Amino acid sequence: MTYGETIKRAREAQRLTQEQLAEALGVTRQAVSKWEADLSRPARSKLERLSEVLEVPPETWAAIDEELAAEAQPPDRTRPWKWAAAVLAVLCLGLCAVLAAVLWRQAHPGTLVPSAEAQADGQAADRPLTLSEVFPESLPLQADHDFDFGDVPLGEYASDLVPFLDDPMQVEDESLWSGVFDNADFPVWLNVVKTNPYFSNGSAFYDFYLLCALPDSAGRLNWQILTRLAEENCYLETFSAEPFANVLGHSGWKLSIVVGASAGTLDYYFIQRPDGTPGLMTTGSNAVEFDVDEDGVLEIISVDEIPLFCEIVDTEAGQEGAFRYMLNPSGDGLSNVRLTFAPEKGGFVVTDSHDAVLTRYLLRDRVLARVPVTDFSAQDYLDVVETKMKFITGDVGTLLDGLDPESVIYNGEYRISRRQQAYLALQELYRLTGRKVETCYCLANEFGVLFSTLPDGFNQRSFFTADFSRDYGGSGSIPSLRIAWKELDNDWSPLSLEEAVLPGPEVPPETVLTWYYDRLHIFRAGEVALETGGVPGERNLYLEDGSLFVGYFQDTDRGPVLTDLLGPYPDGVVNH
């Protein structure tokens, strides 16, 4: 039997909830949940207290250690050479796998190594990974049905634990915070007090109690103990209270208190029952409120970032209580997924090494499901990892909008950062020209991005600019790109026709714009229907849906070279 199994059975035998056990031990409910799931073990300092609370003989823990150690021993002790050979074989295989992975990563910077399952299925290790392999379609969650949600049992507390209940002046002296449920029919007062001090090793320890009172006919408050928030706590300045609304269909007070240096913050969500009395809706640990399923109602998310371990409390229509969903990527074999919980970036997201959002996950059907917020992934700018790019964020006039490169642009439809825009634009340039840039400066604004080899060269000497559509964070104007070639009297441009991939003489002039269009990725808008000539140096490309791209060219010794591309113009009409 494991630690987790022992703790869970003993807790249930004592008819304790995880919250009650956590309170008795001075840890978070999340920590108890980890213990019972065998995701972590209690510290040695907690085992003695566990034995007392759960009535488990202290020698039980030593017996579990011995049992686990015995299970780890090789089954055949009579032939140690077999064990040594097996270990050697595993080490050799492991070293080979590591070497293969290293060589593959060197050949494919910025990508993830294919899973063992993918290689076992005969998939080649040197091919680009699919979106689903880099970012799984869904991340599994462990579900626990919390039938106590909405009215968690609080236990009973004798009044002699807080002997000054009848002394309003002392209640005020010991008070950390007071608030009120302002229901007009049932106004209920709350008060958090710290009391029962004692001193140890130079620190003062207190108990924290939540009191409640309903005014009597004369307006007097008759205080009663509602629950104990923390026992023997010395973190005096770590209590906070704030109102909440629209959290799983309820409003009330969120009381937060640090219960230990390693346990983090314990959060209590108190609401008002229909009869007016206060009740505990649920608890969390380092909790925030966020709409992770985008149903218009906030869920409660408890997060432990290192390593990422989180719980989501959510309700379901027609289901009693609530569900607690637990995500542990390392435990579920998802350690390669760089998942984080970042409300400012949209919730559960995967970011790159520069903290730019690559994809996002929502709570769907009791899993975290990947949301295709854009049509690109890390695979769409593999070539750019070799380019050293520095963002200009200082005062360069009207070209700059002042946003940080890592700021995420979001309007309910797209989610992208300035850095991602720059990556995608350079990748588009590399697809068009085959020419990579070693170093450059980048400036971003509401329209798109500009690139220069000089820190102040964006007004007149940008070798490449790209204005994006709304799908990629642009202002909504007609998308466009402009290329400045070195041989066209632009000596400050790093783009040389001699080194670029150009259509060549085998591509007739009447289809040269189609040749360039076929090499695009994020600027493509549909299938080509017809290419026609325009004024000198201009060609028009009509798509099957009737929209129009306009390309501008300059004649060179190597044929027409694209310098500008604008579109698509809806309905084939140039409107600016």
Protein backbone atom coordinates (compact mmCIF):
# COMPACT_ATOMS: atom_id res chain seq x y z
CA MET A 1 0.00 0.00 0.00
CA THR A 2 1.26 3.51 -0.84
CA TYR A 3 1.26 6.72 1.19
CA GLY A 4 -1.66 8.02 -0.87
CA GLU A 5 -3.81 4.92 -0.37
CA THR A 6 -3.10 4.87 3.36
CA ILE A 7 -3.94 8.54 3.87
CA LYS A 8 -7.12 8.38 1.80
CA ARG A 9 -8.46 5.25 3.56
CA ALA A 10 -7.65 6.61 7.01
CA ARG A 11 -9.20 10.00 6.22
CA GLU A 12 -12.40 8.41 4.96
CA ALA A 13 -12.50 6.13 8.00
CA GLN A 14 -12.39 9.26 10.20
CA ARG A 15 -15.10 10.84 8.00
CA LEU A 16 -12.93 13.84 7.27
CA THR A 17 -12.96 15.87 4.08
CA GLN A 18 -9.69 16.84 2.42
CA GLU A 19 -10.32 20.41 3.59
CA GLN A 20 -10.73 19.33 7.20
CA LEU A 21 -7.59 17.21 7.13
CA ALA A 22 -5.66 20.07 5.50
CA GLU A 23 -6.83 22.47 8.21
CA ALA A 24 -5.77 20.09 10.97
CA LEU A 25 -2.30 19.77 9.43
CA GLY A 26 -1.79 23.44 8.50
CA VAL A 27 -1.45 22.65 4.78
CA THR A 28 -3.61 23.31 1.75
CA ARG A 29 -6.33 21.01 0.51
CA GLN A 30 -4.33 20.82 -2.70
CA ALA A 31 -1.39 19.32 -0.80
CA VAL A 32 -3.65 16.61 0.66
CA SER A 33 -4.99 15.91 -2.83
CA LYS A 34 -1.43 15.45 -4.11
CA TRP A 35 -0.62 13.06 -1.29
CA GLU A 36 -3.66 10.91 -1.94
CA ALA A 37 -2.91 10.80 -5.67
CA ASP A 38 0.70 9.75 -4.89
CA LEU A 39 1.96 12.83 -6.73
CA SER A 40 3.95 13.87 -3.67
CA ARG A 41 4.65 12.66 -0.15
CA PRO A 42 4.12 14.39 3.18
CA ALA A 43 7.20 15.91 4.73
CA ARG A 44 8.62 13.93 7.62
CA SER A 45 7.59 16.73 9.94
CA LYS A 46 3.94 16.10 9.01
CA LEU A 47 3.90 12.33 9.52
CA GLU A 48 3.60 12.53 13.30
CA ARG A 49 0.65 14.89 13.04
CA LEU A 50 -0.90 12.66 10.36
CA SER A 51 -0.68 9.70 12.71
CA GLU A 52 -2.45 11.67 15.45
CA VAL A 53 -5.26 13.02 13.29
CA LEU A 54 -5.90 9.85 11.29
CA GLU A 55 -5.13 7.42 14.15
CA VAL A 56 -2.53 5.66 12.05
CA PRO A 57 0.28 3.90 13.98
CA PRO A 58 3.55 5.77 13.42
CA GLU A 59 5.31 2.58 12.35
CA THR A 60 2.96 2.40 9.33
CA TRP A 61 5.03 4.94 7.43
CA ALA A 62 8.27 3.00 7.96
CA ALA A 63 6.51 -0.19 6.81
CA ILE A 64 5.41 1.54 3.60
CA ASP A 65 8.97 2.71 2.95
CA GLU A 66 10.24 -0.86 3.39
CA GLU A 67 7.55 -2.24 1.11
CA LEU A 68 8.31 0.28 -1.61
CA ALA A 69 12.02 -0.37 -1.30
CA ALA A 70 11.43 -4.13 -1.60
CA GLU A 71 9.32 -3.66 -4.72
CA ALA A 72 12.17 -1.72 -6.29
CA GLN A 73 14.58 -4.67 -5.89
CA PRO A 74 15.28 -6.93 -8.92
CA PRO A 75 13.08 -10.07 -8.79
CA ASP A 76 15.87 -12.54 -9.61
CA ARG A 77 18.65 -12.26 -7.03
CA THR A 78 20.20 -15.62 -7.92
CA ARG A 79 21.56 -14.37 -11.23
CA PRO A 80 22.91 -10.89 -10.77
CA TRP A 81 24.57 -11.00 -14.15
CA LYS A 82 21.14 -10.96 -15.77
CA TRP A 83 20.25 -7.79 -13.90
CA ALA A 84 23.53 -6.14 -14.82
CA ALA A 85 23.08 -7.08 -18.46
CA ALA A 86 19.56 -5.71 -18.49
CA VAL A 87 20.68 -2.46 -16.90
CA LEU A 88 23.52 -2.15 -19.40
CA ALA A 89 21.14 -2.76 -22.29
CA VAL A 90 18.72 -0.14 -21.03
CA LEU A 91 21.54 2.35 -20.57
CA CYS A 92 22.78 1.73 -24.10
CA LEU A 93 19.31 2.15 -25.53
CA GLY A 94 18.82 5.29 -23.48
CA LEU A 95 22.12 6.78 -24.62
CA CYS A 96 21.26 5.99 -28.22
CA ALA A 97 17.87 7.63 -27.83
CA VAL A 98 19.41 10.71 -26.23
CA LEU A 99 22.06 10.94 -28.96
CA ALA A 100 19.41 10.60 -31.66
CA ALA A 101 17.29 13.24 -30.00
CA VAL A 102 20.23 15.64 -29.72
CA LEU A 103 21.17 15.17 -33.39
CA TRP A 104 17.56 15.58 -34.43
CA ARG A 105 17.17 18.76 -32.39
CA GLN A 106 20.35 20.17 -33.93
CA ALA A 107 18.95 19.52 -37.38
CA HIS A 108 15.51 20.87 -36.44
CA PRO A 109 15.88 23.76 -34.00
CA GLY A 110 12.73 24.94 -32.32
CA THR A 111 10.83 21.65 -32.68
CA LEU A 112 10.01 18.85 -30.29
CA VAL A 113 11.34 15.32 -30.56
CA PRO A 114 8.66 12.85 -31.75
CA SER A 115 7.16 10.73 -29.01
CA ALA A 116 8.16 7.12 -28.51
CA GLU A 117 4.68 6.14 -29.71
CA ALA A 118 5.13 8.09 -32.92
CA GLN A 119 8.48 6.42 -33.61
CA ALA A 120 7.06 3.02 -32.77
CA ASP A 121 4.38 3.59 -35.42
CA GLY A 122 7.11 3.92 -38.00
CA GLN A 123 6.93 7.68 -38.34
CA ALA A 124 10.18 9.26 -39.44
CA ALA A 125 12.11 11.14 -36.77
CA ASP A 126 13.44 13.74 -39.22
CA ARG A 127 10.13 15.03 -40.56
CA PRO A 128 8.42 18.21 -39.32
CA LEU A 129 5.98 17.44 -36.53
CA THR A 130 2.29 17.97 -37.02
CA LEU A 131 0.37 20.50 -34.95
CA SER A 132 -1.26 17.71 -32.92
CA GLU A 133 2.12 16.19 -32.08
CA VAL A 134 3.56 19.49 -30.85
CA PHE A 135 0.34 20.58 -29.14
CA PRO A 136 -1.94 17.63 -28.24
CA GLU A 137 -5.59 18.01 -29.16
CA SER A 138 -6.52 17.57 -25.50
CA LEU A 139 -4.86 17.30 -22.10
CA PRO A 140 -6.46 14.78 -19.70
CA LEU A 141 -7.90 15.84 -16.36
CA GLN A 142 -8.63 13.78 -13.27
CA ALA A 143 -12.17 14.49 -12.05
CA ASP A 144 -13.41 14.39 -8.45
CA HIS A 145 -17.10 14.98 -7.70
CA ASP A 146 -17.37 17.44 -4.81
CA PHE A 147 -20.84 16.94 -3.32
CA ASP A 148 -20.10 19.47 -0.53
CA PHE A 149 -19.75 22.34 -3.00
CA GLY A 150 -22.01 25.24 -2.10
CA ASP A 151 -22.25 24.39 1.60
CA VAL A 152 -19.03 22.86 2.90
CA PRO A 153 -19.37 21.48 6.48
CA LEU A 154 -17.68 23.81 8.94
CA GLY A 155 -17.71 21.80 12.14
CA GLU A 156 -18.64 23.05 15.60
CA TYR A 157 -16.47 25.30 17.77
CA ALA A 158 -16.92 25.96 21.48
CA SER A 159 -17.30 29.60 22.47
CA ASP A 160 -14.50 29.34 25.02
CA LEU A 161 -11.99 29.19 22.12
CA VAL A 162 -12.70 32.91 21.70
CA PRO A 163 -13.70 34.04 25.20
CA PHE A 164 -14.25 37.70 24.30
CA LEU A 165 -17.24 37.12 22.00
CA ASP A 166 -19.46 39.18 24.31
CA ASP A 167 -16.97 42.05 24.53
CA PRO A 168 -17.40 44.31 21.47
CA MET A 169 -14.29 46.33 22.34
CA GLN A 170 -12.05 43.26 22.46
CA VAL A 171 -13.59 41.88 19.30
CA GLU A 172 -12.62 45.13 17.64
CA ASP A 173 -9.10 45.02 19.13
CA GLU A 174 -8.50 41.47 17.83
CA SER A 175 -10.12 42.12 14.45
CA LEU A 176 -8.17 41.85 11.20
CA TRP A 177 -11.12 42.54 8.94
CA SER A 178 -14.87 42.98 9.01
CA GLY A 179 -17.43 42.88 6.23
CA VAL A 180 -21.10 42.38 5.61
CA PHE A 181 -23.42 40.47 3.33
CA ASP A 182 -25.65 43.31 2.25
CA ASN A 183 -28.78 41.30 1.52
CA ALA A 184 -31.51 43.73 2.56
CA ASP A 185 -33.58 40.99 4.17
CA PHE A 186 -30.72 39.26 5.95
CA PRO A 187 -27.74 41.57 6.66
CA VAL A 188 -25.00 39.38 8.14
CA TRP A 189 -21.74 40.69 9.59
CA LEU A 190 -18.42 38.85 9.30
CA ASN A 191 -15.28 39.42 11.32
CA VAL A 192 -11.87 37.77 11.17
CA VAL A 193 -9.95 37.81 14.46
CA LYS A 194 -6.49 36.63 15.44
CA THR A 195 -6.36 35.33 18.94
CA ASN A 196 -4.79 32.85 21.39
CA PRO A 197 -1.19 34.01 20.90
CA TYR A 198 1.82 32.05 21.99
CA PHE A 199 5.53 32.56 21.28
CA SER A 200 8.15 30.14 19.99
CA ASN A 201 11.69 30.78 18.73
CA GLY A 202 11.07 34.49 18.60
CA SER A 203 7.88 34.25 16.55
CA ALA A 204 4.30 34.93 17.60
CA PHE A 205 1.70 32.36 16.59
CA TYR A 206 -2.07 32.94 16.45
CA ASP A 207 -5.30 31.20 15.65
CA PHE A 208 -7.52 32.87 13.03
CA TYR A 209 -11.29 32.60 13.44
CA LEU A 210 -14.15 33.83 11.30
CA LEU A 211 -17.00 35.24 13.37
CA CYS A 212 -20.51 36.01 12.17
CA ALA A 213 -23.39 37.97 13.66
CA LEU A 214 -26.96 38.91 12.80
CA PRO A 215 -28.14 42.19 14.37
CA ASP A 216 -30.83 41.76 16.99
CA SER A 217 -33.89 44.00 17.32
CA ALA A 218 -31.79 46.62 19.10
CA GLY A 219 -29.06 46.52 16.42
CA ARG A 220 -26.53 44.74 18.65
CA LEU A 221 -24.20 42.17 17.08
CA ASN A 222 -24.11 38.82 18.87
CA TRP A 223 -20.92 37.23 17.59
CA GLN A 224 -20.57 33.48 17.05
CA ILE A 225 -17.69 31.38 15.75
CA LEU A 226 -18.40 30.35 12.17
CA THR A 227 -15.15 28.48 11.48
CA ARG A 228 -11.43 28.47 12.15
CA LEU A 229 -9.41 29.69 9.17
CA ALA A 230 -5.95 28.76 10.40
CA GLU A 231 -4.34 27.29 13.48
CA GLU A 232 -1.02 28.37 14.99
CA ASN A 233 -0.14 30.72 12.18
CA CYS A 234 2.64 33.30 12.44
CA TYR A 235 2.22 35.13 9.13
CA LEU A 236 0.45 38.17 10.52
CA GLU A 237 0.37 40.41 7.47
CA THR A 238 -0.88 37.86 4.94
CA PHE A 239 -4.64 38.01 5.40
CA SER A 240 -6.78 39.61 2.71
CA ALA A 241 -10.47 39.83 1.85
CA GLU A 242 -12.17 40.84 -1.37
CA PRO A 243 -15.68 40.51 -2.75
CA PHE A 244 -16.33 38.20 -5.69
CA ALA A 245 -19.19 38.01 -8.18
CA ASN A 246 -20.25 35.68 -11.00
CA VAL A 247 -18.06 32.87 -9.62
CA LEU A 248 -19.87 29.63 -10.50
CA GLY A 249 -23.15 31.49 -10.20
CA HIS A 250 -22.48 33.00 -6.77
CA SER A 251 -21.26 36.21 -5.16
CA GLY A 252 -19.76 36.72 -1.73
CA TRP A 253 -16.45 37.21 0.08
CA LYS A 254 -13.11 35.59 -0.70
CA LEU A 255 -10.91 35.35 2.41
CA SER A 256 -7.25 34.46 1.83
CA ILE A 257 -4.58 33.57 4.36
CA VAL A 258 -1.08 32.14 4.11
CA VAL A 259 -0.93 28.94 6.16
CA GLY A 260 2.78 28.17 5.86
CA ALA A 261 5.93 29.10 3.98
CA SER A 262 5.65 26.09 1.64
CA ALA A 263 1.88 25.61 1.56
CA GLY A 264 0.98 28.93 -0.03
CA THR A 265 -2.31 30.78 0.31
CA LEU A 266 -5.52 29.09 1.39
CA ASP A 267 -8.62 30.73 -0.07
CA TYR A 268 -12.15 30.52 1.37
CA TYR A 269 -15.21 31.46 -0.70
CA PHE A 270 -18.10 32.43 1.60
CA ILE A 271 -21.62 33.01 0.30
CA GLN A 272 -25.00 33.75 1.87
CA ARG A 273 -27.47 30.88 2.08
CA PRO A 274 -31.14 31.40 1.13
CA ASP A 275 -32.02 31.71 4.83
CA GLY A 276 -29.49 34.55 5.16
CA THR A 277 -26.85 32.67 7.17
CA PRO A 278 -23.28 32.54 5.80
CA GLY A 279 -21.92 29.33 4.32
CA LEU A 280 -18.64 28.16 2.82
CA MET A 281 -19.07 27.58 -0.91
CA THR A 282 -15.66 25.99 -1.51
CA THR A 283 -11.94 26.44 -0.89
CA GLY A 284 -8.92 26.86 -3.10
CA SER A 285 -5.17 27.25 -2.88
CA ASN A 286 -3.38 30.16 -4.57
CA ALA A 287 -6.71 30.50 -6.34
CA VAL A 288 -7.87 32.89 -9.02
CA GLU A 289 -11.20 33.22 -10.79
CA PHE A 290 -11.19 32.87 -14.57
CA ASP A 291 -13.59 31.72 -17.29
CA VAL A 292 -11.62 28.69 -18.52
CA ASP A 293 -14.54 27.22 -20.48
CA GLU A 294 -15.79 30.54 -21.90
CA ASP A 295 -19.37 29.99 -20.73
CA GLY A 296 -19.61 33.50 -19.28
CA VAL A 297 -19.20 32.30 -15.67
CA LEU A 298 -15.94 32.36 -13.71
CA GLU A 299 -14.42 29.11 -12.49
CA ILE A 300 -11.98 28.75 -9.57
CA ILE A 301 -8.45 27.72 -10.52
CA SER A 302 -5.87 26.73 -7.91
CA VAL A 303 -2.35 26.79 -9.30
CA ASP A 304 1.04 25.63 -8.13
CA GLU A 305 3.46 26.82 -10.79
CA ILE A 306 6.62 24.85 -9.96
CA PRO A 307 5.97 22.35 -11.33
CA LEU A 308 2.62 23.23 -12.85
CA PHE A 309 -0.13 21.55 -10.87
CA CYS A 310 -3.63 22.93 -10.97
CA GLU A 311 -7.21 22.25 -9.98
CA ILE A 312 -10.30 23.67 -11.63
CA VAL A 313 -13.61 23.86 -9.76
CA ASP A 314 -16.57 23.93 -12.13
CA THR A 315 -20.26 23.12 -12.03
CA GLU A 316 -22.29 21.21 -14.58
CA ALA A 317 -25.95 21.67 -15.44
CA GLY A 318 -28.09 18.97 -13.85
CA GLN A 319 -25.26 17.75 -11.61
CA GLU A 320 -25.28 18.09 -7.83
CA GLY A 321 -22.34 19.88 -6.24
CA ALA A 322 -19.33 20.59 -8.44
CA PHE A 323 -16.38 18.86 -10.08
CA ARG A 324 -12.73 19.37 -9.20
CA TYR A 325 -10.51 18.74 -12.21
CA MET A 326 -6.84 18.12 -11.55
CA LEU A 327 -4.12 18.59 -14.17
CA ASN A 328 -0.61 17.33 -13.64
CA PRO A 329 1.22 17.43 -17.02
CA SER A 330 4.38 15.72 -15.78
CA GLY A 331 2.36 12.94 -14.17
CA ASP A 332 0.26 12.44 -17.28
CA GLY A 333 3.23 12.13 -19.62
CA LEU A 334 2.82 15.67 -20.95
CA SER A 335 6.07 17.15 -19.71
CA ASN A 336 7.00 18.26 -23.26
CA VAL A 337 4.01 20.60 -23.37
CA ARG A 338 5.05 24.03 -22.09
CA LEU A 339 1.65 24.64 -20.51
CA THR A 340 1.20 27.55 -18.13
CA PHE A 341 -1.78 29.26 -16.58
CA ALA A 342 -1.59 32.94 -17.47
CA PRO A 343 -4.88 34.86 -17.15
CA GLU A 344 -3.31 37.92 -18.77
CA LYS A 345 -2.57 35.81 -21.87
CA GLY A 346 -5.92 34.04 -22.02
CA GLY A 347 -5.79 31.24 -19.43
CA PHE A 348 -4.13 27.91 -20.13
CA VAL A 349 -1.57 28.62 -22.85
CA VAL A 350 1.57 27.19 -24.39
CA THR A 351 4.30 29.75 -24.93
CA ASP A 352 7.62 29.80 -26.72
CA SER A 353 11.01 30.64 -25.23
CA HIS A 354 10.16 34.34 -25.51
CA ASP A 355 6.84 33.90 -23.68
CA ALA A 356 4.77 34.48 -26.82
CA VAL A 357 1.50 32.52 -26.96
CA LEU A 358 1.53 29.61 -29.41
CA THR A 359 -1.78 27.96 -28.57
CA ARG A 360 -4.48 27.94 -25.92
CA TYR A 361 -6.56 25.31 -24.09
CA LEU A 362 -10.15 25.53 -22.81
CA LEU A 363 -12.11 23.28 -20.46
CA ARG A 364 -14.30 21.13 -22.69
CA ASP A 365 -16.05 17.84 -21.81
CA ARG A 366 -13.83 17.29 -18.74
CA VAL A 367 -10.53 17.74 -20.63
CA LEU A 368 -8.45 20.74 -21.63
CA ALA A 369 -9.07 21.01 -25.37
CA ARG A 370 -6.77 22.89 -27.74
CA VAL A 371 -8.36 25.97 -29.29
CA PRO A 372 -7.15 26.84 -32.81
CA VAL A 373 -6.94 30.59 -32.25
CA THR A 374 -4.66 31.03 -35.26
CA ASP A 375 -3.55 28.97 -38.23
CA PHE A 376 0.10 28.77 -37.25
CA SER A 377 2.26 26.98 -34.74
CA ALA A 378 5.91 26.83 -33.77
CA GLN A 379 6.47 24.88 -36.99
CA ASP A 380 5.60 27.92 -39.06
CA TYR A 381 8.76 29.84 -38.23
CA LEU A 382 11.47 27.24 -37.85
CA ASP A 383 13.91 29.17 -40.07
CA VAL A 384 13.68 32.29 -37.92
CA VAL A 385 15.39 30.71 -34.92
CA GLU A 386 18.70 31.41 -36.67
CA THR A 387 18.01 35.14 -36.94
CA LYS A 388 19.14 37.42 -34.12
CA MET A 389 16.40 40.00 -33.80
CA LYS A 390 16.25 43.01 -31.49
CA PHE A 391 13.02 44.94 -30.93
CA ILE A 392 13.03 48.72 -30.94
CA THR A 393 10.70 50.03 -28.25
CA GLY A 394 12.04 53.55 -27.77
CA ASP A 395 10.86 56.80 -29.31
CA VAL A 396 11.02 56.46 -33.09
CA GLY A 397 8.12 58.70 -33.96
CA THR A 398 4.69 57.74 -35.19
CA LEU A 399 5.77 54.29 -36.40
CA LEU A 400 5.81 52.81 -32.89
CA ASP A 401 2.73 52.05 -30.80
CA GLY A 402 4.63 51.41 -27.55
CA LEU A 403 3.50 47.80 -26.97
CA ASP A 404 5.95 45.34 -25.48
CA PRO A 405 7.01 42.57 -27.91
CA GLU A 406 5.52 39.96 -25.57
CA SER A 407 2.18 41.77 -25.17
CA VAL A 408 -0.66 39.59 -26.39
CA ILE A 409 -3.14 41.24 -28.73
CA TYR A 410 -6.64 39.84 -28.25
CA ASN A 411 -10.05 41.06 -29.42
CA GLY A 412 -12.09 37.88 -28.98
CA GLU A 413 -11.08 36.45 -32.36
CA TYR A 414 -7.29 36.28 -32.54
CA ARG A 415 -4.51 35.99 -29.99
CA ILE A 416 -0.99 36.90 -31.04
CA SER A 417 2.06 38.79 -29.77
CA ARG A 418 4.29 41.34 -31.51
CA ARG A 419 7.14 38.86 -31.42
CA GLN A 420 5.02 36.23 -33.15
CA GLN A 421 4.10 38.77 -35.81
CA ALA A 422 7.80 39.37 -36.43
CA TYR A 423 8.53 35.62 -36.59
CA LEU A 424 5.71 35.03 -39.06
CA ALA A 425 6.71 37.99 -41.24
CA LEU A 426 10.34 36.87 -41.47
CA GLN A 427 9.27 33.31 -42.20
CA GLU A 428 7.11 34.69 -45.04
CA LEU A 429 10.11 36.61 -46.36
CA TYR A 430 12.27 33.47 -46.22
CA ARG A 431 9.65 31.48 -48.11
CA LEU A 432 9.45 34.14 -50.80
CA THR A 433 13.14 34.75 -51.30
CA GLY A 434 15.00 31.81 -49.80
CA ARG A 435 17.29 34.44 -48.27
CA LYS A 436 17.82 34.47 -44.50
CA VAL A 437 19.00 37.44 -42.45
CA GLU A 438 21.58 36.92 -39.72
CA THR A 439 20.77 39.97 -37.59
CA CYS A 440 18.18 42.72 -37.76
CA TYR A 441 16.12 45.22 -35.81
CA CYS A 442 12.35 45.06 -35.68
CA LEU A 443 9.70 47.67 -34.99
CA ALA A 444 6.04 46.75 -34.49
CA ASN A 445 2.90 48.88 -34.58
CA GLU A 446 -0.85 48.50 -35.01
CA PHE A 447 -0.47 47.66 -38.71
CA GLY A 448 2.35 45.13 -38.63
CA VAL A 449 6.15 44.97 -38.47
CA LEU A 450 9.16 46.65 -40.09
CA PHE A 451 12.70 45.29 -40.34
CA SER A 452 16.00 47.11 -40.74
CA THR A 453 19.69 46.39 -40.30
CA LEU A 454 20.00 49.78 -38.60
CA PRO A 455 18.37 50.71 -35.28
CA ASP A 456 17.06 53.99 -36.74
CA GLY A 457 16.45 52.92 -40.32
CA PHE A 458 12.71 52.25 -40.27
CA ASN A 459 11.52 55.47 -41.95
CA GLN A 460 13.51 55.13 -45.16
CA ARG A 461 15.59 51.97 -44.95
CA SER A 462 13.36 49.04 -43.98
CA PHE A 463 14.41 46.07 -46.09
CA PHE A 464 11.07 44.36 -45.37
CA THR A 465 7.70 45.49 -44.04
CA ALA A 466 4.49 43.55 -43.51
CA ASP A 467 1.03 44.91 -42.68
CA PHE A 468 -1.25 42.18 -41.32
CA SER A 469 -4.91 41.34 -41.59
CA ARG A 470 -7.06 41.14 -38.46
CA ASP A 471 -6.43 37.39 -38.29
CA TYR A 472 -2.80 38.15 -37.48
CA GLY A 473 -3.28 41.20 -35.27
CA GLY A 474 -3.33 43.94 -37.90
CA SER A 475 -5.51 47.00 -37.96
CA GLY A 476 -7.99 45.53 -40.43
CA SER A 477 -6.73 47.45 -43.48
CA ILE A 478 -5.65 45.70 -46.66
CA PRO A 479 -2.65 43.44 -45.86
CA SER A 480 0.55 44.16 -47.72
CA LEU A 481 4.26 43.45 -47.81
CA ARG A 482 7.21 45.34 -49.29
CA ILE A 483 10.66 44.03 -50.13
CA ALA A 484 13.73 46.24 -50.69
CA TRP A 485 16.39 44.49 -52.77
CA LYS A 486 20.06 45.43 -52.57
CA GLU A 487 20.51 45.52 -56.35
CA LEU A 488 17.70 48.07 -56.74
CA ASP A 489 19.93 50.89 -55.40
CA ASN A 490 19.22 49.94 -51.78
CA ASP A 491 22.76 49.39 -50.53
CA TRP A 492 21.51 49.11 -46.91
CA SER A 493 19.40 46.02 -47.68
CA PRO A 494 20.77 42.54 -46.81
CA LEU A 495 18.56 40.94 -49.50
CA SER A 496 20.59 40.15 -52.58
CA LEU A 497 19.11 38.99 -55.87
CA GLU A 498 22.27 36.99 -56.45
CA GLU A 499 21.51 34.84 -53.42
CA ALA A 500 17.71 34.71 -53.66
CA VAL A 501 15.34 32.16 -55.13
CA LEU A 502 13.73 33.87 -58.14
CA PRO A 503 11.24 32.66 -60.75
CA GLY A 504 13.84 32.35 -63.46
CA PRO A 505 13.36 32.42 -67.24
CA GLU A 506 11.18 29.30 -67.24
CA VAL A 507 8.34 31.22 -65.55
CA PRO A 508 6.54 33.40 -68.11
CA PRO A 509 5.84 37.02 -67.13
CA GLU A 510 2.09 36.47 -67.22
CA THR A 511 2.32 33.99 -64.32
CA VAL A 512 5.23 35.44 -62.34
CA LEU A 513 2.91 36.85 -59.63
CA THR A 514 1.25 33.45 -59.29
CA TRP A 515 4.72 31.95 -58.71
CA TYR A 516 5.32 34.32 -55.79
CA TYR A 517 1.80 33.88 -54.42
CA ASP A 518 2.20 30.11 -54.30
CA ARG A 519 5.18 30.54 -51.99
CA LEU A 520 3.20 32.54 -49.42
CA HIS A 521 1.66 31.14 -46.26
CA ILE A 522 0.01 33.70 -43.98
CA PHE A 523 -0.79 36.14 -46.84
CA ARG A 524 -2.57 33.53 -48.94
CA ALA A 525 -6.32 33.98 -49.12
CA GLY A 526 -7.59 31.31 -51.53
CA GLU A 527 -7.06 29.61 -54.88
CA VAL A 528 -5.91 31.55 -57.94
CA ALA A 529 -8.36 32.05 -60.79
CA LEU A 530 -6.62 34.45 -63.21
CA GLU A 531 -3.53 36.66 -63.56
CA THR A 532 -3.63 39.74 -65.77
CA GLY A 533 -1.31 42.57 -66.60
CA GLY A 534 -1.88 46.06 -65.24
CA VAL A 535 0.05 49.25 -65.79
CA PRO A 536 3.78 48.82 -66.45
CA GLY A 537 5.43 47.18 -63.47
CA GLU A 538 2.11 45.91 -62.09
CA ARG A 539 0.26 42.62 -62.26
CA ASN A 540 -3.17 41.68 -60.92
CA LEU A 541 -4.00 38.30 -59.42
CA TYR A 542 -7.69 37.38 -59.07
CA LEU A 543 -8.75 34.58 -56.75
CA GLU A 544 -11.67 32.20 -57.22
CA ASP A 545 -13.75 34.19 -54.70
CA GLY A 546 -13.32 37.35 -56.79
CA SER A 547 -10.83 39.11 -54.50
CA LEU A 548 -7.77 40.78 -55.94
CA PHE A 549 -4.03 40.92 -55.18
CA VAL A 550 -1.88 43.61 -56.79
CA GLY A 551 1.83 42.99 -57.26
CA TYR A 552 4.49 45.53 -58.23
CA PHE A 553 7.68 44.49 -60.02
CA GLN A 554 10.95 45.90 -61.24
CA ASP A 555 12.80 44.51 -64.22
CA THR A 556 16.29 43.20 -63.54
CA ASP A 557 18.84 41.13 -65.40
CA ARG A 558 17.27 38.12 -63.70
CA GLY A 559 13.73 38.98 -64.73
CA PRO A 560 10.82 40.74 -62.92
CA VAL A 561 11.41 40.97 -59.18
CA LEU A 562 8.59 41.46 -56.70
CA THR A 563 8.86 44.58 -54.55
CA ASP A 564 5.29 45.10 -53.27
CA LEU A 565 2.22 42.92 -52.79
CA LEU A 566 -1.15 44.26 -51.61
CA GLY A 567 -4.36 42.35 -51.01
CA PRO A 568 -6.72 40.74 -51.00
CA TYR A 569 -9.09 43.53 -52.04
CA PRO A 570 -12.66 42.24 -51.62
CA ASP A 571 -14.72 41.97 -54.83
CA GLY A 572 -11.67 42.77 -56.94
CA VAL A 573 -11.84 46.52 -56.34
CA VAL A 574 -8.79 48.55 -55.27
CA ASN A 575 -10.19 50.84 -52.59
CA HIS A 576 -7.08 52.76 -51.57
